[in-house]
Amino acid sequence: MFEKEDHDASDVFAQYGASTNAYTSFTKTSYLFSSSRNLKENLDNLLDFVQIPYFSNQTVEKEIGIIGQEIMMYDDDPNWQAYFGAIADLYPDTALAVDIAGTVPSIKQITPEKLYLAHKQFYQPSNMSLFVVGNLDVDQVLEWVQENQAKKDLYTFNNPKRVLDDFYSSNIKHAQTLHMAVQRPKVTIGIKALSQSLTIFLV
């Protein structure tokens, strides 16, 4: 997302004295910056690079390589493997059973066309949230955002049909052992709710 046809959004943030980052969780992808000055310029940059995508075969191949390295890096992390191993055992045969980053074979199926389709479907204002925190004038920030959005021809968001996994299924893998080169054995215990309400008493 940061890399565009003629510039990198990270360089623009640096030009305006901001630090930036991004992360993906189970429910969202977040793009963020922090800065003590040039708020309007940095805010415009954030909105623009998130809402105006640029994907090419070259940038996609580059990112596939980076993500693949990250996936393999976590393969050697015993804490990560214990955490996701427990989740996969609690929710087998669901999306939760796969690492958020995907797998090396699955990310190789990514193409610019698929990314543009996903962006058009999900990266719309009605499906996004903007959080601004700091010593600032709220009305002024809203004016900046409205001014930025007025310059764009945004798609009308059509909520996609979502296929939900049965996360309350009693299908559970009760135990597994993973052998790794660690100095101290690790154990992870998971508790799964089989309905939408769960009460746990700790004494």
N, C-alpha and C. Protein backbone atom coordinates (compact mmCIF):
# COMPACT_ATOMS: atom_id res chain seq x y z
N MET A 1 0.82 -1.21 0.00
CA MET A 1 0.00 0.00 0.00
C MET A 1 0.86 1.26 0.00
N PHE A 2 1.97 1.25 0.72
CA PHE A 2 2.80 2.45 0.83
C PHE A 2 3.47 2.82 -0.49
N GLU A 3 3.84 1.79 -1.27
CA GLU A 3 4.60 2.04 -2.50
C GLU A 3 3.67 2.39 -3.65
N LYS A 4 3.88 3.58 -4.24
CA LYS A 4 3.08 4.05 -5.35
C LYS A 4 3.90 4.05 -6.63
N GLU A 5 3.28 4.46 -7.73
CA GLU A 5 3.96 4.41 -9.02
C GLU A 5 5.17 5.35 -9.06
N ASP A 6 5.03 6.54 -8.44
CA ASP A 6 6.10 7.53 -8.54
C ASP A 6 6.67 7.97 -7.20
N HIS A 7 6.24 7.34 -6.10
CA HIS A 7 6.78 7.70 -4.79
C HIS A 7 6.41 6.64 -3.76
N ASP A 8 6.98 6.77 -2.58
CA ASP A 8 6.64 5.90 -1.46
C ASP A 8 6.01 6.75 -0.37
N ALA A 9 4.83 6.38 0.10
CA ALA A 9 4.13 7.18 1.11
C ALA A 9 4.95 7.31 2.39
N SER A 10 5.79 6.32 2.68
CA SER A 10 6.65 6.40 3.87
C SER A 10 7.62 7.58 3.77
N ASP A 11 8.11 7.84 2.55
CA ASP A 11 9.03 8.97 2.35
C ASP A 11 8.31 10.29 2.57
N VAL A 12 7.05 10.35 2.18
CA VAL A 12 6.27 11.59 2.38
C VAL A 12 6.05 11.83 3.87
N PHE A 13 5.74 10.78 4.61
CA PHE A 13 5.60 10.92 6.06
C PHE A 13 6.91 11.44 6.67
N ALA A 14 8.02 10.87 6.25
CA ALA A 14 9.32 11.29 6.77
C ALA A 14 9.59 12.75 6.43
N GLN A 15 9.20 13.17 5.23
CA GLN A 15 9.39 14.55 4.81
C GLN A 15 8.67 15.52 5.74
N TYR A 16 7.49 15.08 6.24
CA TYR A 16 6.70 15.94 7.13
C TYR A 16 6.90 15.59 8.61
N GLY A 17 7.98 14.88 8.92
CA GLY A 17 8.36 14.65 10.30
C GLY A 17 7.50 13.64 11.05
N ALA A 18 6.93 12.69 10.35
CA ALA A 18 6.07 11.70 10.99
C ALA A 18 6.70 10.31 10.93
N SER A 19 6.41 9.50 11.92
CA SER A 19 6.75 8.07 11.87
C SER A 19 5.48 7.32 11.53
N THR A 20 5.61 6.24 10.80
CA THR A 20 4.43 5.53 10.32
C THR A 20 4.60 4.03 10.44
N ASN A 21 3.48 3.32 10.44
CA ASN A 21 3.52 1.87 10.54
C ASN A 21 2.17 1.32 10.09
N ALA A 22 2.08 0.00 10.05
CA ALA A 22 0.84 -0.68 9.70
C ALA A 22 0.86 -2.06 10.33
N TYR A 23 -0.32 -2.59 10.60
CA TYR A 23 -0.40 -3.95 11.13
C TYR A 23 -1.76 -4.55 10.80
N THR A 24 -1.80 -5.86 10.81
CA THR A 24 -3.04 -6.60 10.53
C THR A 24 -3.35 -7.50 11.72
N SER A 25 -4.60 -7.46 12.16
CA SER A 25 -5.06 -8.33 13.24
C SER A 25 -6.14 -9.26 12.68
N PHE A 26 -6.82 -9.99 13.57
CA PHE A 26 -7.86 -10.91 13.12
C PHE A 26 -9.02 -10.17 12.45
N THR A 27 -9.27 -8.92 12.83
CA THR A 27 -10.47 -8.23 12.37
C THR A 27 -10.22 -7.01 11.50
N LYS A 28 -8.97 -6.54 11.40
CA LYS A 28 -8.75 -5.30 10.65
C LYS A 28 -7.29 -5.15 10.24
N THR A 29 -7.09 -4.25 9.29
CA THR A 29 -5.76 -3.78 8.95
C THR A 29 -5.71 -2.30 9.29
N SER A 30 -4.69 -1.88 9.99
CA SER A 30 -4.58 -0.50 10.46
C SER A 30 -3.33 0.16 9.88
N TYR A 31 -3.49 1.40 9.46
CA TYR A 31 -2.38 2.22 9.01
C TYR A 31 -2.32 3.44 9.93
N LEU A 32 -1.14 3.81 10.38
CA LEU A 32 -1.05 4.86 11.39
C LEU A 32 0.19 5.71 11.22
N PHE A 33 0.12 6.90 11.78
CA PHE A 33 1.30 7.76 11.85
C PHE A 33 1.24 8.54 13.15
N SER A 34 2.39 9.01 13.59
CA SER A 34 2.45 9.89 14.75
C SER A 34 3.38 11.05 14.40
N SER A 35 2.97 12.25 14.82
CA SER A 35 3.76 13.43 14.50
C SER A 35 3.36 14.57 15.42
N SER A 36 4.30 15.49 15.66
CA SER A 36 4.02 16.66 16.48
C SER A 36 3.80 17.91 15.63
N ARG A 37 3.87 17.75 14.31
CA ARG A 37 3.68 18.89 13.40
C ARG A 37 3.19 18.40 12.05
N ASN A 38 2.78 19.34 11.20
CA ASN A 38 2.31 19.03 9.85
C ASN A 38 1.17 18.01 9.85
N LEU A 39 0.21 18.20 10.76
CA LEU A 39 -0.88 17.23 10.86
C LEU A 39 -1.68 17.14 9.57
N LYS A 40 -2.03 18.26 8.98
CA LYS A 40 -2.83 18.24 7.76
C LYS A 40 -2.13 17.49 6.64
N GLU A 41 -0.86 17.80 6.42
CA GLU A 41 -0.11 17.14 5.35
C GLU A 41 -0.01 15.63 5.59
N ASN A 42 0.25 15.25 6.84
CA ASN A 42 0.35 13.82 7.15
C ASN A 42 -1.00 13.13 7.06
N LEU A 43 -2.05 13.82 7.47
CA LEU A 43 -3.40 13.24 7.39
C LEU A 43 -3.80 13.05 5.93
N ASP A 44 -3.51 14.05 5.10
CA ASP A 44 -3.79 13.92 3.66
C ASP A 44 -3.03 12.74 3.07
N ASN A 45 -1.77 12.59 3.45
CA ASN A 45 -0.97 11.48 2.95
C ASN A 45 -1.55 10.15 3.36
N LEU A 46 -1.98 10.05 4.61
CA LEU A 46 -2.59 8.81 5.10
C LEU A 46 -3.84 8.46 4.31
N LEU A 47 -4.74 9.43 4.17
CA LEU A 47 -5.99 9.19 3.45
C LEU A 47 -5.72 8.84 1.98
N ASP A 48 -4.76 9.54 1.39
CA ASP A 48 -4.49 9.33 -0.04
C ASP A 48 -3.88 7.96 -0.31
N PHE A 49 -2.87 7.58 0.47
CA PHE A 49 -2.21 6.31 0.13
C PHE A 49 -3.08 5.12 0.46
N VAL A 50 -3.99 5.27 1.43
CA VAL A 50 -4.90 4.16 1.74
C VAL A 50 -6.02 4.06 0.71
N GLN A 51 -6.49 5.19 0.22
CA GLN A 51 -7.66 5.19 -0.67
C GLN A 51 -7.31 5.18 -2.14
N ILE A 52 -6.07 5.49 -2.49
CA ILE A 52 -5.67 5.48 -3.90
C ILE A 52 -4.59 4.42 -4.07
N PRO A 53 -4.97 3.21 -4.45
CA PRO A 53 -4.00 2.10 -4.49
C PRO A 53 -3.17 2.11 -5.76
N TYR A 54 -2.03 1.48 -5.66
CA TYR A 54 -1.21 1.21 -6.85
C TYR A 54 -0.57 -0.17 -6.66
N PHE A 55 -0.95 -1.08 -7.53
CA PHE A 55 -0.39 -2.43 -7.48
C PHE A 55 0.13 -2.79 -8.87
N SER A 56 1.33 -3.31 -8.92
CA SER A 56 1.89 -3.80 -10.17
C SER A 56 2.46 -5.19 -9.92
N ASN A 57 2.76 -5.89 -11.00
CA ASN A 57 3.36 -7.22 -10.83
C ASN A 57 4.65 -7.13 -10.03
N GLN A 58 5.42 -6.08 -10.27
CA GLN A 58 6.70 -5.93 -9.58
C GLN A 58 6.51 -5.68 -8.09
N THR A 59 5.61 -4.77 -7.72
CA THR A 59 5.41 -4.47 -6.30
C THR A 59 4.76 -5.65 -5.58
N VAL A 60 3.88 -6.37 -6.27
CA VAL A 60 3.24 -7.52 -5.64
C VAL A 60 4.26 -8.63 -5.39
N GLU A 61 5.11 -8.90 -6.38
CA GLU A 61 6.15 -9.92 -6.20
C GLU A 61 7.09 -9.55 -5.07
N LYS A 62 7.43 -8.28 -4.99
CA LYS A 62 8.31 -7.82 -3.91
C LYS A 62 7.66 -8.06 -2.55
N GLU A 63 6.37 -7.72 -2.43
CA GLU A 63 5.68 -7.87 -1.15
C GLU A 63 5.47 -9.33 -0.80
N ILE A 64 5.22 -10.16 -1.80
CA ILE A 64 5.08 -11.59 -1.55
C ILE A 64 6.36 -12.14 -0.93
N GLY A 65 7.51 -11.69 -1.43
CA GLY A 65 8.78 -12.13 -0.87
C GLY A 65 8.96 -11.69 0.57
N ILE A 66 8.55 -10.44 0.86
CA ILE A 66 8.68 -9.92 2.23
C ILE A 66 7.77 -10.67 3.18
N ILE A 67 6.52 -10.87 2.78
CA ILE A 67 5.56 -11.58 3.64
C ILE A 67 6.00 -13.03 3.84
N GLY A 68 6.50 -13.64 2.78
CA GLY A 68 6.97 -15.01 2.89
C GLY A 68 8.09 -15.14 3.92
N GLN A 69 9.00 -14.18 3.93
CA GLN A 69 10.09 -14.19 4.91
C GLN A 69 9.54 -14.02 6.33
N GLU A 70 8.54 -13.16 6.49
CA GLU A 70 7.94 -12.96 7.81
C GLU A 70 7.26 -14.24 8.29
N ILE A 71 6.56 -14.92 7.39
CA ILE A 71 5.89 -16.17 7.77
C ILE A 71 6.92 -17.19 8.25
N MET A 72 7.99 -17.34 7.50
CA MET A 72 9.02 -18.32 7.86
C MET A 72 9.75 -17.91 9.14
N MET A 73 9.87 -16.60 9.38
CA MET A 73 10.50 -16.14 10.61
C MET A 73 9.69 -16.57 11.82
N TYR A 74 8.36 -16.46 11.74
CA TYR A 74 7.53 -16.86 12.86
C TYR A 74 7.43 -18.38 13.01
N ASP A 75 7.77 -19.10 11.95
CA ASP A 75 7.80 -20.56 12.06
C ASP A 75 8.83 -21.01 13.10
N ASP A 76 9.83 -20.17 13.35
CA ASP A 76 10.89 -20.51 14.31
C ASP A 76 10.66 -19.89 15.68
N ASP A 77 9.53 -19.22 15.86
CA ASP A 77 9.23 -18.54 17.13
C ASP A 77 8.36 -19.45 18.00
N PRO A 78 8.89 -20.03 19.07
CA PRO A 78 8.11 -20.98 19.87
C PRO A 78 6.88 -20.35 20.52
N ASN A 79 6.96 -19.08 20.94
CA ASN A 79 5.80 -18.42 21.54
C ASN A 79 4.68 -18.26 20.52
N TRP A 80 5.04 -17.84 19.32
CA TRP A 80 4.05 -17.66 18.26
C TRP A 80 3.42 -19.00 17.88
N GLN A 81 4.24 -20.02 17.77
CA GLN A 81 3.73 -21.34 17.40
C GLN A 81 2.80 -21.90 18.48
N ALA A 82 3.14 -21.66 19.74
CA ALA A 82 2.28 -22.13 20.84
C ALA A 82 0.95 -21.40 20.81
N TYR A 83 0.99 -20.09 20.58
CA TYR A 83 -0.23 -19.27 20.56
C TYR A 83 -1.16 -19.68 19.42
N PHE A 84 -0.61 -19.70 18.19
CA PHE A 84 -1.46 -20.04 17.05
C PHE A 84 -1.79 -21.53 17.02
N GLY A 85 -0.93 -22.35 17.60
CA GLY A 85 -1.27 -23.77 17.69
C GLY A 85 -2.49 -24.00 18.55
N ALA A 86 -2.59 -23.25 19.66
CA ALA A 86 -3.77 -23.37 20.53
C ALA A 86 -5.03 -22.89 19.81
N ILE A 87 -4.92 -21.78 19.10
CA ILE A 87 -6.08 -21.26 18.36
C ILE A 87 -6.52 -22.24 17.29
N ALA A 88 -5.56 -22.80 16.56
CA ALA A 88 -5.89 -23.76 15.51
C ALA A 88 -6.56 -25.00 16.08
N ASP A 89 -6.17 -25.42 17.29
CA ASP A 89 -6.79 -26.58 17.92
C ASP A 89 -8.21 -26.27 18.38
N LEU A 90 -8.44 -25.03 18.84
CA LEU A 90 -9.78 -24.65 19.29
C LEU A 90 -10.73 -24.44 18.13
N TYR A 91 -10.21 -23.98 16.99
CA TYR A 91 -11.06 -23.66 15.84
C TYR A 91 -10.55 -24.33 14.56
N PRO A 92 -10.45 -25.67 14.56
CA PRO A 92 -9.97 -26.35 13.36
C PRO A 92 -10.96 -26.18 12.20
N ASP A 93 -10.45 -26.20 10.99
CA ASP A 93 -11.28 -26.10 9.79
C ASP A 93 -12.01 -24.76 9.68
N THR A 94 -11.46 -23.71 10.33
CA THR A 94 -11.99 -22.36 10.17
C THR A 94 -10.84 -21.44 9.76
N ALA A 95 -11.18 -20.20 9.43
CA ALA A 95 -10.16 -19.23 9.04
C ALA A 95 -9.18 -18.96 10.19
N LEU A 96 -9.63 -19.13 11.42
CA LEU A 96 -8.77 -18.88 12.57
C LEU A 96 -7.64 -19.89 12.69
N ALA A 97 -7.77 -21.01 12.02
CA ALA A 97 -6.75 -22.05 12.12
C ALA A 97 -5.50 -21.74 11.30
N VAL A 98 -5.56 -20.66 10.52
CA VAL A 98 -4.43 -20.28 9.67
C VAL A 98 -3.88 -18.95 10.17
N ASP A 99 -2.58 -18.83 10.22
CA ASP A 99 -1.92 -17.60 10.62
C ASP A 99 -2.50 -16.42 9.82
N ILE A 100 -2.61 -15.26 10.47
CA ILE A 100 -3.17 -14.07 9.83
C ILE A 100 -2.44 -13.76 8.52
N ALA A 101 -1.13 -13.98 8.49
CA ALA A 101 -0.35 -13.65 7.29
C ALA A 101 -0.61 -14.63 6.15
N GLY A 102 -1.27 -15.75 6.44
CA GLY A 102 -1.49 -16.76 5.41
C GLY A 102 -0.38 -17.79 5.42
N THR A 103 -0.24 -18.48 4.32
CA THR A 103 0.83 -19.46 4.16
C THR A 103 1.65 -19.08 2.93
N VAL A 104 2.86 -19.60 2.85
CA VAL A 104 3.71 -19.28 1.69
C VAL A 104 3.03 -19.68 0.38
N PRO A 105 2.40 -20.87 0.26
CA PRO A 105 1.70 -21.19 -0.99
C PRO A 105 0.51 -20.26 -1.26
N SER A 106 -0.23 -19.86 -0.21
CA SER A 106 -1.43 -19.05 -0.44
C SER A 106 -1.08 -17.64 -0.89
N ILE A 107 -0.02 -17.05 -0.36
CA ILE A 107 0.31 -15.67 -0.75
C ILE A 107 0.86 -15.62 -2.18
N LYS A 108 1.35 -16.74 -2.69
CA LYS A 108 1.85 -16.76 -4.06
C LYS A 108 0.71 -16.66 -5.08
N GLN A 109 -0.54 -16.79 -4.61
CA GLN A 109 -1.69 -16.67 -5.49
C GLN A 109 -2.18 -15.22 -5.62
N ILE A 110 -1.54 -14.30 -4.88
CA ILE A 110 -1.95 -12.90 -4.92
C ILE A 110 -1.53 -12.28 -6.25
N THR A 111 -2.43 -11.50 -6.84
CA THR A 111 -2.14 -10.78 -8.09
C THR A 111 -2.61 -9.34 -7.94
N PRO A 112 -2.10 -8.42 -8.76
CA PRO A 112 -2.60 -7.04 -8.71
C PRO A 112 -4.11 -6.97 -8.91
N GLU A 113 -4.65 -7.81 -9.78
CA GLU A 113 -6.09 -7.78 -10.06
C GLU A 113 -6.89 -8.14 -8.81
N LYS A 114 -6.43 -9.15 -8.07
CA LYS A 114 -7.13 -9.55 -6.84
C LYS A 114 -7.04 -8.46 -5.79
N LEU A 115 -5.89 -7.78 -5.72
CA LEU A 115 -5.73 -6.71 -4.74
C LEU A 115 -6.62 -5.52 -5.07
N TYR A 116 -6.71 -5.16 -6.34
CA TYR A 116 -7.60 -4.06 -6.74
C TYR A 116 -9.05 -4.39 -6.43
N LEU A 117 -9.45 -5.65 -6.65
CA LEU A 117 -10.81 -6.08 -6.35
C LEU A 117 -11.10 -5.98 -4.86
N ALA A 118 -10.15 -6.46 -4.04
CA ALA A 118 -10.32 -6.40 -2.59
C ALA A 118 -10.36 -4.95 -2.12
N HIS A 119 -9.51 -4.12 -2.69
CA HIS A 119 -9.49 -2.70 -2.29
C HIS A 119 -10.82 -2.03 -2.64
N LYS A 120 -11.30 -2.26 -3.84
CA LYS A 120 -12.56 -1.66 -4.27
C LYS A 120 -13.71 -2.09 -3.38
N GLN A 121 -13.65 -3.32 -2.90
CA GLN A 121 -14.75 -3.86 -2.10
C GLN A 121 -14.70 -3.39 -0.65
N PHE A 122 -13.52 -3.31 -0.06
CA PHE A 122 -13.42 -3.09 1.38
C PHE A 122 -12.87 -1.74 1.79
N TYR A 123 -12.03 -1.13 0.98
CA TYR A 123 -11.38 0.12 1.38
C TYR A 123 -12.24 1.33 1.01
N GLN A 124 -13.45 1.36 1.54
CA GLN A 124 -14.37 2.46 1.30
C GLN A 124 -14.71 3.13 2.63
N PRO A 125 -14.98 4.44 2.64
CA PRO A 125 -15.21 5.15 3.90
C PRO A 125 -16.26 4.50 4.79
N SER A 126 -17.32 3.96 4.20
CA SER A 126 -18.38 3.36 5.02
C SER A 126 -17.95 2.05 5.67
N ASN A 127 -16.79 1.53 5.26
CA ASN A 127 -16.27 0.29 5.84
C ASN A 127 -14.96 0.53 6.59
N MET A 128 -14.66 1.82 6.86
CA MET A 128 -13.40 2.17 7.49
C MET A 128 -13.65 3.12 8.67
N SER A 129 -12.66 3.22 9.54
CA SER A 129 -12.72 4.13 10.68
C SER A 129 -11.45 4.97 10.70
N LEU A 130 -11.60 6.22 11.10
CA LEU A 130 -10.46 7.12 11.24
C LEU A 130 -10.41 7.62 12.67
N PHE A 131 -9.27 7.40 13.34
CA PHE A 131 -9.07 7.86 14.71
C PHE A 131 -7.96 8.90 14.72
N VAL A 132 -8.25 10.06 15.30
CA VAL A 132 -7.26 11.12 15.41
C VAL A 132 -7.17 11.51 16.89
N VAL A 133 -5.99 11.45 17.45
CA VAL A 133 -5.79 11.72 18.87
C VAL A 133 -4.69 12.76 19.04
N GLY A 134 -4.94 13.78 19.88
CA GLY A 134 -3.89 14.76 20.14
C GLY A 134 -4.46 16.11 20.50
N ASN A 135 -3.58 17.06 20.65
CA ASN A 135 -3.96 18.44 20.98
C ASN A 135 -4.31 19.16 19.69
N LEU A 136 -5.57 19.09 19.29
CA LEU A 136 -5.98 19.60 17.99
C LEU A 136 -7.41 20.12 18.04
N ASP A 137 -7.78 20.82 17.00
CA ASP A 137 -9.14 21.36 16.86
C ASP A 137 -9.96 20.36 16.07
N VAL A 138 -10.95 19.76 16.71
CA VAL A 138 -11.75 18.70 16.08
C VAL A 138 -12.43 19.21 14.82
N ASP A 139 -13.04 20.38 14.88
CA ASP A 139 -13.74 20.93 13.71
C ASP A 139 -12.78 21.15 12.55
N GLN A 140 -11.57 21.60 12.86
CA GLN A 140 -10.57 21.83 11.82
C GLN A 140 -10.18 20.52 11.15
N VAL A 141 -9.98 19.47 11.96
CA VAL A 141 -9.61 18.16 11.41
C VAL A 141 -10.74 17.62 10.53
N LEU A 142 -11.97 17.76 10.98
CA LEU A 142 -13.11 17.30 10.17
C LEU A 142 -13.18 18.05 8.85
N GLU A 143 -12.87 19.32 8.87
CA GLU A 143 -12.85 20.12 7.64
C GLU A 143 -11.78 19.62 6.69
N TRP A 144 -10.60 19.28 7.24
CA TRP A 144 -9.53 18.73 6.41
C TRP A 144 -9.95 17.41 5.76
N VAL A 145 -10.58 16.55 6.54
CA VAL A 145 -11.01 15.25 6.03
C VAL A 145 -12.06 15.43 4.93
N GLN A 146 -13.04 16.28 5.18
CA GLN A 146 -14.09 16.52 4.18
C GLN A 146 -13.50 17.10 2.89
N GLU A 147 -12.55 18.00 3.04
CA GLU A 147 -11.87 18.59 1.88
C GLU A 147 -11.13 17.53 1.08
N ASN A 148 -10.45 16.62 1.78
CA ASN A 148 -9.73 15.55 1.12
C ASN A 148 -10.67 14.61 0.39
N GLN A 149 -11.75 14.22 1.04
CA GLN A 149 -12.68 13.25 0.45
C GLN A 149 -13.45 13.84 -0.73
N ALA A 150 -13.68 15.14 -0.70
CA ALA A 150 -14.43 15.78 -1.78
C ALA A 150 -13.67 15.74 -3.11
N LYS A 151 -12.37 15.54 -3.05
CA LYS A 151 -11.55 15.51 -4.26
C LYS A 151 -11.54 14.12 -4.92
N LYS A 152 -12.15 13.14 -4.28
CA LYS A 152 -12.05 11.76 -4.75
C LYS A 152 -13.38 11.23 -5.26
N ASP A 153 -13.28 10.39 -6.27
CA ASP A 153 -14.45 9.70 -6.80
C ASP A 153 -14.48 8.31 -6.18
N LEU A 154 -15.14 8.19 -5.04
CA LEU A 154 -15.13 6.95 -4.29
C LEU A 154 -16.28 6.04 -4.71
N TYR A 155 -16.03 4.74 -4.65
CA TYR A 155 -17.05 3.77 -5.00
C TYR A 155 -18.13 3.71 -3.92
N THR A 156 -19.32 3.31 -4.34
CA THR A 156 -20.38 3.04 -3.37
C THR A 156 -20.13 1.66 -2.79
N PHE A 157 -20.06 1.59 -1.47
CA PHE A 157 -19.73 0.32 -0.82
C PHE A 157 -20.93 -0.61 -0.83
N ASN A 158 -20.73 -1.80 -1.35
CA ASN A 158 -21.75 -2.85 -1.32
C ASN A 158 -21.26 -3.92 -0.36
N ASN A 159 -21.98 -4.07 0.73
CA ASN A 159 -21.55 -5.03 1.74
C ASN A 159 -21.52 -6.44 1.14
N PRO A 160 -20.35 -7.07 1.11
CA PRO A 160 -20.26 -8.40 0.50
C PRO A 160 -20.97 -9.46 1.33
N LYS A 161 -21.35 -10.52 0.67
CA LYS A 161 -21.92 -11.65 1.38
C LYS A 161 -20.81 -12.35 2.13
N ARG A 162 -20.94 -12.44 3.42
CA ARG A 162 -19.89 -13.03 4.25
C ARG A 162 -20.29 -14.45 4.64
N VAL A 163 -19.37 -15.37 4.43
CA VAL A 163 -19.58 -16.76 4.81
C VAL A 163 -18.91 -16.94 6.17
N LEU A 164 -19.73 -17.12 7.20
CA LEU A 164 -19.20 -17.20 8.56
C LEU A 164 -18.94 -18.65 8.97
N ASP A 165 -17.80 -18.86 9.56
CA ASP A 165 -17.50 -20.18 10.10
C ASP A 165 -18.29 -20.40 11.40
N ASP A 166 -18.50 -21.66 11.75
CA ASP A 166 -19.18 -21.98 13.00
C ASP A 166 -18.15 -21.98 14.12
N PHE A 167 -17.93 -20.80 14.69
CA PHE A 167 -16.90 -20.67 15.72
C PHE A 167 -17.33 -21.29 17.05
N TYR A 168 -18.60 -21.65 17.19
CA TYR A 168 -19.07 -22.26 18.44
C TYR A 168 -19.20 -23.77 18.31
N SER A 169 -18.66 -24.31 17.24
CA SER A 169 -18.71 -25.75 17.03
C SER A 169 -17.94 -26.47 18.14
N SER A 170 -18.41 -27.65 18.49
CA SER A 170 -17.72 -28.45 19.50
C SER A 170 -16.54 -29.21 18.91
N ASN A 171 -16.27 -28.98 17.63
CA ASN A 171 -15.14 -29.62 16.97
C ASN A 171 -13.85 -29.01 17.50
N ILE A 172 -13.17 -29.73 18.35
CA ILE A 172 -11.96 -29.24 19.00
C ILE A 172 -10.88 -30.32 18.93
N LYS A 173 -9.67 -29.90 18.64
CA LYS A 173 -8.53 -30.80 18.74
C LYS A 173 -7.98 -30.63 20.15
N HIS A 174 -8.09 -31.63 20.97
CA HIS A 174 -7.85 -31.49 22.40
C HIS A 174 -6.38 -31.33 22.79
N ALA A 175 -5.48 -31.77 21.96
CA ALA A 175 -4.06 -31.63 22.33
C ALA A 175 -3.19 -31.87 21.11
N GLN A 176 -2.05 -31.22 21.10
CA GLN A 176 -1.04 -31.51 20.09
C GLN A 176 0.33 -31.17 20.68
N THR A 177 1.35 -31.78 20.16
CA THR A 177 2.71 -31.52 20.61
C THR A 177 3.56 -31.11 19.42
N LEU A 178 4.28 -30.02 19.59
CA LEU A 178 5.17 -29.54 18.55
C LEU A 178 6.60 -29.55 19.09
N HIS A 179 7.48 -30.22 18.41
CA HIS A 179 8.86 -30.34 18.87
C HIS A 179 9.71 -29.27 18.20
N MET A 180 10.34 -28.43 19.03
CA MET A 180 11.21 -27.37 18.54
C MET A 180 12.45 -27.31 19.43
N ALA A 181 13.49 -26.64 18.93
CA ALA A 181 14.73 -26.49 19.70
C ALA A 181 14.56 -25.34 20.68
N VAL A 182 14.06 -25.62 21.89
CA VAL A 182 13.86 -24.61 22.92
C VAL A 182 14.59 -25.02 24.19
N GLN A 183 14.96 -24.03 24.99
CA GLN A 183 15.66 -24.34 26.24
C GLN A 183 14.69 -24.80 27.32
N ARG A 184 13.46 -24.32 27.25
CA ARG A 184 12.48 -24.65 28.29
C ARG A 184 11.16 -25.03 27.60
N PRO A 185 10.58 -26.17 27.96
CA PRO A 185 9.30 -26.57 27.36
C PRO A 185 8.21 -25.53 27.62
N LYS A 186 7.27 -25.41 26.71
CA LYS A 186 6.17 -24.46 26.85
C LYS A 186 4.85 -25.19 26.74
N VAL A 187 3.86 -24.68 27.45
CA VAL A 187 2.52 -25.24 27.36
C VAL A 187 1.52 -24.10 27.23
N THR A 188 0.53 -24.28 26.37
CA THR A 188 -0.52 -23.28 26.17
C THR A 188 -1.87 -23.96 26.40
N ILE A 189 -2.72 -23.31 27.18
CA ILE A 189 -4.05 -23.84 27.48
C ILE A 189 -5.09 -22.89 26.91
N GLY A 190 -6.04 -23.42 26.17
CA GLY A 190 -7.11 -22.61 25.59
C GLY A 190 -8.46 -23.03 26.12
N ILE A 191 -9.36 -22.06 26.26
CA ILE A 191 -10.74 -22.31 26.69
C ILE A 191 -11.67 -21.79 25.60
N LYS A 192 -12.55 -22.64 25.12
CA LYS A 192 -13.44 -22.27 24.02
C LYS A 192 -14.89 -22.26 24.48
N ALA A 193 -15.61 -21.20 24.13
CA ALA A 193 -17.04 -21.13 24.42
C ALA A 193 -17.80 -21.89 23.34
N LEU A 194 -18.72 -22.73 23.74
CA LEU A 194 -19.54 -23.48 22.79
C LEU A 194 -20.88 -22.81 22.57
N SER A 195 -21.06 -21.61 23.14
CA SER A 195 -22.24 -20.78 22.90
C SER A 195 -21.78 -19.34 23.00
N GLN A 196 -22.68 -18.38 22.77
CA GLN A 196 -22.30 -16.98 22.78
C GLN A 196 -22.16 -16.42 24.17
N SER A 197 -22.42 -17.22 25.18
CA SER A 197 -22.22 -16.76 26.56
C SER A 197 -21.36 -17.78 27.29
N LEU A 198 -20.37 -17.26 28.01
CA LEU A 198 -19.45 -18.12 28.74
C LEU A 198 -19.11 -17.44 30.06
N THR A 199 -19.28 -18.17 31.13
CA THR A 199 -18.93 -17.66 32.46
C THR A 199 -17.83 -18.51 33.04
N ILE A 200 -16.77 -17.87 33.47
CA ILE A 200 -15.64 -18.59 34.06
C ILE A 200 -15.44 -18.07 35.48
N PHE A 201 -15.37 -18.97 36.43
CA PHE A 201 -15.13 -18.58 37.82
C PHE A 201 -13.71 -18.98 38.19
N LEU A 202 -12.94 -18.02 38.62
CA LEU A 202 -11.59 -18.29 39.08
C LEU A 202 -11.54 -18.11 40.59
N VAL A 203 -11.06 -19.10 41.31
CA VAL A 203 -11.00 -19.03 42.78
C VAL A 203 -9.53 -19.02 43.20
